Amino acid sequence: MTNLRDYIAKDSPLYARQFIEKLLVNIEKLETFPNLGRVVPEADRSDVREQIFRGYRIIYLVKSDKVFIVAILHGSQDLTRFKEKPWDES
């Protein structure tokens, strides 16, 4: 998330801070409602979900009672071109 904040801060440090704060509020909702997001189409697995936040995809894994954020990507990025998918466990 630091890279994202730094990238946005190149244009506006204030907007970068506000963006990350609102992004974190959005992510915190997943603790209570882990199935809030949709299934990631490229994964075709019910435990790999995503939420869209201001053009960014928050991709996460739902495991038992925990949620693991595996990637935050700009919506224009093509996941099918990734050799290793963010949700693949190493």
PDB file of N, CA and C in Angstrom:
ATOM      1  N   MET A   1       0.825  -1.182   0.000  1.00  0.00           N
ATOM      2  CA  MET A   1       0.000   0.000   0.000  1.00  0.00           C
ATOM      3  C   MET A   1       0.874   1.253   0.000  1.00  0.00           C
ATOM      4  N   THR A   2       2.072   1.124   0.523  1.00  0.00           N
ATOM      5  CA  THR A   2       3.005   2.245   0.529  1.00  0.00           C
ATOM      6  C   THR A   2       3.329   2.691  -0.887  1.00  0.00           C
ATOM      7  N   ASN A   3       3.526   1.732  -1.802  1.00  0.00           N
ATOM      8  CA  ASN A   3       3.828   2.081  -3.188  1.00  0.00           C
ATOM      9  C   ASN A   3       2.678   2.864  -3.822  1.00  0.00           C
ATOM     10  N   LEU A   4       1.459   2.447  -3.535  1.00  0.00           N
ATOM     11  CA  LEU A   4       0.294   3.128  -4.074  1.00  0.00           C
ATOM     12  C   LEU A   4       0.217   4.549  -3.531  1.00  0.00           C
ATOM     13  N   ARG A   5       0.409   4.684  -2.231  1.00  0.00           N
ATOM     14  CA  ARG A   5       0.379   6.013  -1.623  1.00  0.00           C
ATOM     15  C   ARG A   5       1.464   6.907  -2.221  1.00  0.00           C
ATOM     16  N   ASP A   6       2.673   6.371  -2.358  1.00  0.00           N
ATOM     17  CA  ASP A   6       3.782   7.150  -2.925  1.00  0.00           C
ATOM     18  C   ASP A   6       3.496   7.563  -4.364  1.00  0.00           C
ATOM     19  N   TYR A   7       2.895   6.668  -5.119  1.00  0.00           N
ATOM     20  CA  TYR A   7       2.564   6.972  -6.513  1.00  0.00           C
ATOM     21  C   TYR A   7       1.566   8.124  -6.601  1.00  0.00           C
ATOM     22  N   ILE A   8       0.520   8.061  -5.789  1.00  0.00           N
ATOM     23  CA  ILE A   8      -0.492   9.114  -5.794  1.00  0.00           C
ATOM     24  C   ILE A   8       0.087  10.416  -5.242  1.00  0.00           C
ATOM     25  N   ALA A   9       0.968  10.304  -4.267  1.00  0.00           N
ATOM     26  CA  ALA A   9       1.549  11.488  -3.628  1.00  0.00           C
ATOM     27  C   ALA A   9       2.431  12.301  -4.575  1.00  0.00           C
ATOM     28  N   LYS A  10       2.860  11.703  -5.673  1.00  0.00           N
ATOM     29  CA  LYS A  10       3.641  12.473  -6.651  1.00  0.00           C
ATOM     30  C   LYS A  10       2.843  13.667  -7.148  1.00  0.00           C
ATOM     31  N   ASP A  11       1.523  13.487  -7.275  1.00  0.00           N
ATOM     32  CA  ASP A  11       0.654  14.568  -7.718  1.00  0.00           C
ATOM     33  C   ASP A  11       0.076  15.358  -6.548  1.00  0.00           C
ATOM     34  N   SER A  12      -0.257  14.642  -5.471  1.00  0.00           N
ATOM     35  CA  SER A  12      -0.893  15.322  -4.340  1.00  0.00           C
ATOM     36  C   SER A  12      -0.723  14.506  -3.055  1.00  0.00           C
ATOM     37  N   PRO A  13       0.175  14.917  -2.166  1.00  0.00           N
ATOM     38  CA  PRO A  13       0.327  14.208  -0.886  1.00  0.00           C
ATOM     39  C   PRO A  13      -0.976  14.176  -0.076  1.00  0.00           C
ATOM     40  N   LEU A  14      -1.722  15.269  -0.127  1.00  0.00           N
ATOM     41  CA  LEU A  14      -2.987  15.322   0.615  1.00  0.00           C
ATOM     42  C   LEU A  14      -3.975  14.298   0.063  1.00  0.00           C
ATOM     43  N   TYR A  15      -4.133  14.266  -1.247  1.00  0.00           N
ATOM     44  CA  TYR A  15      -5.058  13.312  -1.852  1.00  0.00           C
ATOM     45  C   TYR A  15      -4.595  11.877  -1.587  1.00  0.00           C
ATOM     46  N   ALA A  16      -3.302  11.638  -1.606  1.00  0.00           N
ATOM     47  CA  ALA A  16      -2.777  10.294  -1.340  1.00  0.00           C
ATOM     48  C   ALA A  16      -3.164   9.839   0.059  1.00  0.00           C
ATOM     49  N   ARG A  17      -3.002  10.720   1.041  1.00  0.00           N
ATOM     50  CA  ARG A  17      -3.356  10.360   2.421  1.00  0.00           C
ATOM     51  C   ARG A  17      -4.848  10.093   2.540  1.00  0.00           C
ATOM     52  N   GLN A  18      -5.667  10.952   1.953  1.00  0.00           N
ATOM     53  CA  GLN A  18      -7.123  10.775   2.017  1.00  0.00           C
ATOM     54  C   GLN A  18      -7.553   9.489   1.310  1.00  0.00           C
ATOM     55  N   PHE A  19      -6.942   9.221   0.173  1.00  0.00           N
ATOM     56  CA  PHE A  19      -7.265   8.016  -0.594  1.00  0.00           C
ATOM     57  C   PHE A  19      -6.985   6.767   0.236  1.00  0.00           C
ATOM     58  N   ILE A  20      -5.793   6.699   0.832  1.00  0.00           N
ATOM     59  CA  ILE A  20      -5.417   5.520   1.624  1.00  0.00           C
ATOM     60  C   ILE A  20      -6.311   5.374   2.847  1.00  0.00           C
ATOM     61  N   GLU A  21      -6.643   6.471   3.499  1.00  0.00           N
ATOM     62  CA  GLU A  21      -7.534   6.399   4.661  1.00  0.00           C
ATOM     63  C   GLU A  21      -8.885   5.804   4.275  1.00  0.00           C
ATOM     64  N   LYS A  22      -9.447   6.260   3.160  1.00  0.00           N
ATOM     65  CA  LYS A  22     -10.750   5.751   2.714  1.00  0.00           C
ATOM     66  C   LYS A  22     -10.639   4.312   2.215  1.00  0.00           C
ATOM     67  N   LEU A  23      -9.527   3.986   1.611  1.00  0.00           N
ATOM     68  CA  LEU A  23      -9.287   2.612   1.172  1.00  0.00           C
ATOM     69  C   LEU A  23      -9.266   1.674   2.381  1.00  0.00           C
ATOM     70  N   LEU A  24      -8.596   2.081   3.443  1.00  0.00           N
ATOM     71  CA  LEU A  24      -8.524   1.253   4.653  1.00  0.00           C
ATOM     72  C   LEU A  24      -9.892   1.082   5.307  1.00  0.00           C
ATOM     73  N   VAL A  25     -10.697   2.115   5.311  1.00  0.00           N
ATOM     74  CA  VAL A  25     -12.063   2.004   5.841  1.00  0.00           C
ATOM     75  C   VAL A  25     -12.835   0.968   5.046  1.00  0.00           C
ATOM     76  N   ASN A  26     -12.682   1.000   3.734  1.00  0.00           N
ATOM     77  CA  ASN A  26     -13.349   0.038   2.862  1.00  0.00           C
ATOM     78  C   ASN A  26     -12.876  -1.384   3.161  1.00  0.00           C
ATOM     79  N   ILE A  27     -11.579  -1.554   3.321  1.00  0.00           N
ATOM     80  CA  ILE A  27     -11.006  -2.872   3.608  1.00  0.00           C
ATOM     81  C   ILE A  27     -11.475  -3.392   4.966  1.00  0.00           C
ATOM     82  N   GLU A  28     -11.586  -2.502   5.955  1.00  0.00           N
ATOM     83  CA  GLU A  28     -12.004  -2.923   7.293  1.00  0.00           C
ATOM     84  C   GLU A  28     -13.395  -3.540   7.299  1.00  0.00           C
ATOM     85  N   LYS A  29     -14.254  -3.159   6.374  1.00  0.00           N
ATOM     86  CA  LYS A  29     -15.603  -3.732   6.283  1.00  0.00           C
ATOM     87  C   LYS A  29     -15.540  -5.234   5.995  1.00  0.00           C
ATOM     88  N   LEU A  30     -14.460  -5.657   5.352  1.00  0.00           N
ATOM     89  CA  LEU A  30     -14.330  -7.072   4.995  1.00  0.00           C
ATOM     90  C   LEU A  30     -14.178  -7.966   6.221  1.00  0.00           C
ATOM     91  N   GLU A  31     -13.712  -7.397   7.337  1.00  0.00           N
ATOM     92  CA  GLU A  31     -13.595  -8.187   8.571  1.00  0.00           C
ATOM     93  C   GLU A  31     -14.964  -8.702   9.001  1.00  0.00           C
ATOM     94  N   THR A  32     -15.966  -7.854   8.865  1.00  0.00           N
ATOM     95  CA  THR A  32     -17.327  -8.223   9.272  1.00  0.00           C
ATOM     96  C   THR A  32     -18.090  -8.916   8.148  1.00  0.00           C
ATOM     97  N   PHE A  33     -17.842  -8.479   6.919  1.00  0.00           N
ATOM     98  CA  PHE A  33     -18.571  -9.000   5.759  1.00  0.00           C
ATOM     99  C   PHE A  33     -17.591  -9.510   4.700  1.00  0.00           C
ATOM    100  N   PRO A  34     -16.952 -10.660   4.931  1.00  0.00           N
ATOM    101  CA  PRO A  34     -15.913 -11.132   4.006  1.00  0.00           C
ATOM    102  C   PRO A  34     -16.426 -11.464   2.601  1.00  0.00           C
ATOM    103  N   ASN A  35     -17.700 -11.774   2.476  1.00  0.00           N
ATOM    104  CA  ASN A  35     -18.234 -12.109   1.153  1.00  0.00           C
ATOM    105  C   ASN A  35     -18.892 -10.914   0.478  1.00  0.00           C
ATOM    106  N   LEU A  36     -18.555  -9.722   0.949  1.00  0.00           N
ATOM    107  CA  LEU A  36     -19.122  -8.492   0.406  1.00  0.00           C
ATOM    108  C   LEU A  36     -18.760  -8.308  -1.061  1.00  0.00           C
ATOM    109  N   GLY A  37     -17.551  -8.636  -1.414  1.00  0.00           N
ATOM    110  CA  GLY A  37     -17.094  -8.452  -2.792  1.00  0.00           C
ATOM    111  C   GLY A  37     -17.552  -9.582  -3.698  1.00  0.00           C
ATOM    112  N   ARG A  38     -17.270  -9.393  -4.984  1.00  0.00           N
ATOM    113  CA  ARG A  38     -17.637 -10.418  -5.966  1.00  0.00           C
ATOM    114  C   ARG A  38     -16.477 -11.399  -6.148  1.00  0.00           C
ATOM    115  N   VAL A  39     -16.780 -12.557  -6.694  1.00  0.00           N
ATOM    116  CA  VAL A  39     -15.746 -13.533  -7.032  1.00  0.00           C
ATOM    117  C   VAL A  39     -14.922 -12.948  -8.182  1.00  0.00           C
ATOM    118  N   VAL A  40     -13.606 -13.081  -8.081  1.00  0.00           N
ATOM    119  CA  VAL A  40     -12.728 -12.573  -9.136  1.00  0.00           C
ATOM    120  C   VAL A  40     -12.915 -13.440 -10.373  1.00  0.00           C
ATOM    121  N   PRO A  41     -13.354 -12.858 -11.489  1.00  0.00           N
ATOM    122  CA  PRO A  41     -13.626 -13.658 -12.691  1.00  0.00           C
ATOM    123  C   PRO A  41     -12.415 -14.461 -13.171  1.00  0.00           C
ATOM    124  N   GLU A  42     -11.226 -13.891 -13.071  1.00  0.00           N
ATOM    125  CA  GLU A  42     -10.024 -14.582 -13.544  1.00  0.00           C
ATOM    126  C   GLU A  42      -9.637 -15.766 -12.654  1.00  0.00           C
ATOM    127  N   ALA A  43     -10.119 -15.775 -11.427  1.00  0.00           N
ATOM    128  CA  ALA A  43      -9.769 -16.856 -10.503  1.00  0.00           C
ATOM    129  C   ALA A  43     -10.767 -18.001 -10.578  1.00  0.00           C
ATOM    130  N   ASP A  44     -12.047 -17.671 -10.743  1.00  0.00           N
ATOM    131  CA  ASP A  44     -13.109 -18.668 -10.777  1.00  0.00           C
ATOM    132  C   ASP A  44     -13.066 -19.571  -9.541  1.00  0.00           C
ATOM    133  N   ARG A  45     -12.828 -18.943  -8.414  1.00  0.00           N
ATOM    134  CA  ARG A  45     -12.826 -19.629  -7.110  1.00  0.00           C
ATOM    135  C   ARG A  45     -13.660 -18.790  -6.147  1.00  0.00           C
ATOM    136  N   SER A  46     -14.473 -19.441  -5.346  1.00  0.00           N
ATOM    137  CA  SER A  46     -15.352 -18.690  -4.451  1.00  0.00           C
ATOM    138  C   SER A  46     -14.601 -18.040  -3.286  1.00  0.00           C
ATOM    139  N   ASP A  47     -13.382 -18.491  -2.999  1.00  0.00           N
ATOM    140  CA  ASP A  47     -12.623 -17.905  -1.891  1.00  0.00           C
ATOM    141  C   ASP A  47     -11.751 -16.725  -2.323  1.00  0.00           C
ATOM    142  N   VAL A  48     -11.699 -16.446  -3.617  1.00  0.00           N
ATOM    143  CA  VAL A  48     -10.939 -15.306  -4.136  1.00  0.00           C
ATOM    144  C   VAL A  48     -11.950 -14.260  -4.569  1.00  0.00           C
ATOM    145  N   ARG A  49     -11.966 -13.151  -3.840  1.00  0.00           N
ATOM    146  CA  ARG A  49     -12.983 -12.131  -4.056  1.00  0.00           C
ATOM    147  C   ARG A  49     -12.322 -10.774  -4.262  1.00  0.00           C
ATOM    148  N   GLU A  50     -13.121  -9.824  -4.685  1.00  0.00           N
ATOM    149  CA  GLU A  50     -12.592  -8.479  -4.877  1.00  0.00           C
ATOM    150  C   GLU A  50     -13.653  -7.436  -4.623  1.00  0.00           C
ATOM    151  N   GLN A  51     -13.168  -6.278  -4.249  1.00  0.00           N
ATOM    152  CA  GLN A  51     -13.993  -5.087  -4.185  1.00  0.00           C
ATOM    153  C   GLN A  51     -13.342  -4.064  -5.097  1.00  0.00           C
ATOM    154  N   ILE A  52     -14.149  -3.256  -5.723  1.00  0.00           N
ATOM    155  CA  ILE A  52     -13.638  -2.180  -6.554  1.00  0.00           C
ATOM    156  C   ILE A  52     -13.733  -0.900  -5.737  1.00  0.00           C
ATOM    157  N   PHE A  53     -12.617  -0.188  -5.663  1.00  0.00           N
ATOM    158  CA  PHE A  53     -12.583   1.072  -4.931  1.00  0.00           C
ATOM    159  C   PHE A  53     -11.884   2.114  -5.797  1.00  0.00           C
ATOM    160  N   ARG A  54     -12.662   3.057  -6.289  1.00  0.00           N
ATOM    161  CA  ARG A  54     -12.136   4.164  -7.096  1.00  0.00           C
ATOM    162  C   ARG A  54     -11.187   3.706  -8.197  1.00  0.00           C
ATOM    163  N   GLY A  55     -11.614   2.698  -8.913  1.00  0.00           N
ATOM    164  CA  GLY A  55     -10.827   2.221 -10.048  1.00  0.00           C
ATOM    165  C   GLY A  55      -9.748   1.214  -9.699  1.00  0.00           C
ATOM    166  N   TYR A  56      -9.632   0.849  -8.436  1.00  0.00           N
ATOM    167  CA  TYR A  56      -8.650  -0.150  -8.004  1.00  0.00           C
ATOM    168  C   TYR A  56      -9.361  -1.414  -7.566  1.00  0.00           C
ATOM    169  N   ARG A  57      -8.739  -2.525  -7.841  1.00  0.00           N
ATOM    170  CA  ARG A  57      -9.277  -3.826  -7.433  1.00  0.00           C
ATOM    171  C   ARG A  57      -8.571  -4.251  -6.151  1.00  0.00           C
ATOM    172  N   ILE A  58      -9.346  -4.437  -5.105  1.00  0.00           N
ATOM    173  CA  ILE A  58      -8.825  -4.976  -3.850  1.00  0.00           C
ATOM    174  C   ILE A  58      -9.123  -6.465  -3.893  1.00  0.00           C
ATOM    175  N   ILE A  59      -8.108  -7.262  -4.118  1.00  0.00           N
ATOM    176  CA  ILE A  59      -8.289  -8.716  -4.268  1.00  0.00           C
ATOM    177  C   ILE A  59      -7.905  -9.376  -2.949  1.00  0.00           C
ATOM    178  N   TYR A  60      -8.781 -10.246  -2.480  1.00  0.00           N
ATOM    179  CA  TYR A  60      -8.533 -10.880  -1.183  1.00  0.00           C
ATOM    180  C   TYR A  60      -8.985 -12.331  -1.178  1.00  0.00           C
ATOM    181  N   LEU A  61      -8.376 -13.077  -0.256  1.00  0.00           N
ATOM    182  CA  LEU A  61      -8.723 -14.478  -0.024  1.00  0.00           C
ATOM    183  C   LEU A  61      -9.549 -14.570   1.246  1.00  0.00           C
ATOM    184  N   VAL A  62     -10.578 -15.378   1.219  1.00  0.00           N
ATOM    185  CA  VAL A  62     -11.375 -15.644   2.411  1.00  0.00           C
ATOM    186  C   VAL A  62     -11.001 -17.037   2.893  1.00  0.00           C
ATOM    187  N   LYS A  63     -10.423 -17.100   4.072  1.00  0.00           N
ATOM    188  CA  LYS A  63     -10.010 -18.378   4.676  1.00  0.00           C
ATOM    189  C   LYS A  63     -10.612 -18.465   6.066  1.00  0.00           C
ATOM    190  N   SER A  64     -11.522 -19.405   6.261  1.00  0.00           N
ATOM    191  CA  SER A  64     -12.219 -19.573   7.537  1.00  0.00           C
ATOM    192  C   SER A  64     -12.793 -18.241   7.983  1.00  0.00           C
ATOM    193  N   ASP A  65     -12.288 -17.725   9.094  1.00  0.00           N
ATOM    194  CA  ASP A  65     -12.811 -16.469   9.622  1.00  0.00           C
ATOM    195  C   ASP A  65     -11.848 -15.310   9.378  1.00  0.00           C
ATOM    196  N   LYS A  66     -10.936 -15.476   8.431  1.00  0.00           N
ATOM    197  CA  LYS A  66      -9.946 -14.435   8.143  1.00  0.00           C
ATOM    198  C   LYS A  66     -10.007 -14.001   6.681  1.00  0.00           C
ATOM    199  N   VAL A  67      -9.598 -12.767   6.460  1.00  0.00           N
ATOM    200  CA  VAL A  67      -9.510 -12.205   5.119  1.00  0.00           C
ATOM    201  C   VAL A  67      -8.070 -11.776   4.901  1.00  0.00           C
ATOM    202  N   PHE A  68      -7.486 -12.180   3.772  1.00  0.00           N
ATOM    203  CA  PHE A  68      -6.111 -11.829   3.440  1.00  0.00           C
ATOM    204  C   PHE A  68      -6.108 -11.014   2.156  1.00  0.00           C
ATOM    205  N   ILE A  69      -5.654  -9.777   2.236  1.00  0.00           N
ATOM    206  CA  ILE A  69      -5.521  -8.945   1.046  1.00  0.00           C
ATOM    207  C   ILE A  69      -4.310  -9.459   0.282  1.00  0.00           C
ATOM    208  N   VAL A  70      -4.511  -9.858  -0.961  1.00  0.00           N
ATOM    209  CA  VAL A  70      -3.400 -10.403  -1.749  1.00  0.00           C
ATOM    210  C   VAL A  70      -2.906  -9.431  -2.812  1.00  0.00           C
ATOM    211  N   ALA A  71      -3.730  -8.439  -3.166  1.00  0.00           N
ATOM    212  CA  ALA A  71      -3.286  -7.462  -4.155  1.00  0.00           C
ATOM    213  C   ALA A  71      -4.239  -6.268  -4.181  1.00  0.00           C
ATOM    214  N   ILE A  72      -3.667  -5.122  -4.481  1.00  0.00           N
ATOM    215  CA  ILE A  72      -4.447  -3.935  -4.798  1.00  0.00           C
ATOM    216  C   ILE A  72      -3.885  -3.444  -6.122  1.00  0.00           C
ATOM    217  N   LEU A  73      -4.698  -3.557  -7.161  1.00  0.00           N
ATOM    218  CA  LEU A  73      -4.245  -3.283  -8.521  1.00  0.00           C
ATOM    219  C   LEU A  73      -5.146  -2.261  -9.188  1.00  0.00           C
ATOM    220  N   HIS A  74      -4.573  -1.481 -10.061  1.00  0.00           N
ATOM    221  CA  HIS A  74      -5.402  -0.577 -10.849  1.00  0.00           C
ATOM    222  C   HIS A  74      -6.291  -1.427 -11.751  1.00  0.00           C
ATOM    223  N   GLY A  75      -7.511  -1.002 -11.916  1.00  0.00           N
ATOM    224  CA  GLY A  75      -8.484  -1.770 -12.692  1.00  0.00           C
ATOM    225  C   GLY A  75      -8.095  -2.010 -14.136  1.00  0.00           C
ATOM    226  N   SER A  76      -7.177  -1.205 -14.658  1.00  0.00           N
ATOM    227  CA  SER A  76      -6.761  -1.381 -16.050  1.00  0.00           C
ATOM    228  C   SER A  76      -5.744  -2.509 -16.230  1.00  0.00           C
ATOM    229  N   GLN A  77      -5.208  -3.014 -15.128  1.00  0.00           N
ATOM    230  CA  GLN A  77      -4.238  -4.106 -15.244  1.00  0.00           C
ATOM    231  C   GLN A  77      -4.939  -5.403 -15.618  1.00  0.00           C
ATOM    232  N   ASP A  78      -4.344  -6.145 -16.523  1.00  0.00           N
ATOM    233  CA  ASP A  78      -4.905  -7.395 -17.026  1.00  0.00           C
ATOM    234  C   ASP A  78      -4.320  -8.562 -16.241  1.00  0.00           C
ATOM    235  N   LEU A  79      -5.123  -9.135 -15.346  1.00  0.00           N
ATOM    236  CA  LEU A  79      -4.656 -10.250 -14.512  1.00  0.00           C
ATOM    237  C   LEU A  79      -4.324 -11.500 -15.320  1.00  0.00           C
ATOM    238  N   THR A  80      -4.908 -11.637 -16.477  1.00  0.00           N
ATOM    239  CA  THR A  80      -4.631 -12.837 -17.273  1.00  0.00           C
ATOM    240  C   THR A  80      -3.184 -12.851 -17.773  1.00  0.00           C
ATOM    241  N   ARG A  81      -2.524 -11.705 -17.750  1.00  0.00           N
ATOM    242  CA  ARG A  81      -1.142 -11.636 -18.220  1.00  0.00           C
ATOM    243  C   ARG A  81      -0.132 -11.937 -17.106  1.00  0.00           C
ATOM    244  N   PHE A  82      -0.581 -12.033 -15.860  1.00  0.00           N
ATOM    245  CA  PHE A  82       0.316 -12.336 -14.751  1.00  0.00           C
ATOM    246  C   PHE A  82       0.686 -13.812 -14.797  1.00  0.00           C
ATOM    247  N   LYS A  83       1.967 -14.122 -14.747  1.00  0.00           N
ATOM    248  CA  LYS A  83       2.384 -15.532 -14.689  1.00  0.00           C
ATOM    249  C   LYS A  83       1.939 -16.148 -13.374  1.00  0.00           C
ATOM    250  N   GLU A  84       2.213 -15.446 -12.284  1.00  0.00           N
ATOM    251  CA  GLU A  84       1.784 -15.909 -10.967  1.00  0.00           C
ATOM    252  C   GLU A  84       0.610 -15.045 -10.536  1.00  0.00           C
ATOM    253  N   LYS A  85      -0.471 -15.684 -10.219  1.00  0.00           N
ATOM    254  CA  LYS A  85      -1.662 -14.965  -9.789  1.00  0.00           C
ATOM    255  C   LYS A  85      -1.502 -14.574  -8.318  1.00  0.00           C
ATOM    256  N   PRO A  86      -2.010 -13.417  -7.922  1.00  0.00           N
ATOM    257  CA  PRO A  86      -1.848 -12.964  -6.529  1.00  0.00           C
ATOM    258  C   PRO A  86      -2.415 -13.938  -5.493  1.00  0.00           C
ATOM    259  N   TRP A  87      -3.411 -14.697  -5.873  1.00  0.00           N
ATOM    260  CA  TRP A  87      -4.059 -15.615  -4.933  1.00  0.00           C
ATOM    261  C   TRP A  87      -3.399 -16.974  -4.878  1.00  0.00           C
ATOM    262  N   ASP A  88      -2.477 -17.257  -5.771  1.00  0.00           N
ATOM    263  CA  ASP A  88      -1.762 -18.538  -5.729  1.00  0.00           C
ATOM    264  C   ASP A  88      -0.836 -18.574  -4.524  1.00  0.00           C
ATOM    265  N   GLU A  89      -0.974 -19.612  -3.745  1.00  0.00           N
ATOM    266  CA  GLU A  89      -0.125 -19.750  -2.560  1.00  0.00           C
ATOM    267  C   GLU A  89       1.197 -20.370  -2.941  1.00  0.00           C
ATOM    268  N   SER A  90       2.284 -19.795  -2.415  1.00  0.00           N
ATOM    269  CA  SER A  90       3.595 -20.350  -2.740  1.00  0.00           C
ATOM    270  C   SER A  90       4.037 -21.375  -1.743  1.00  0.00           C
TER     271      SER A  90
END
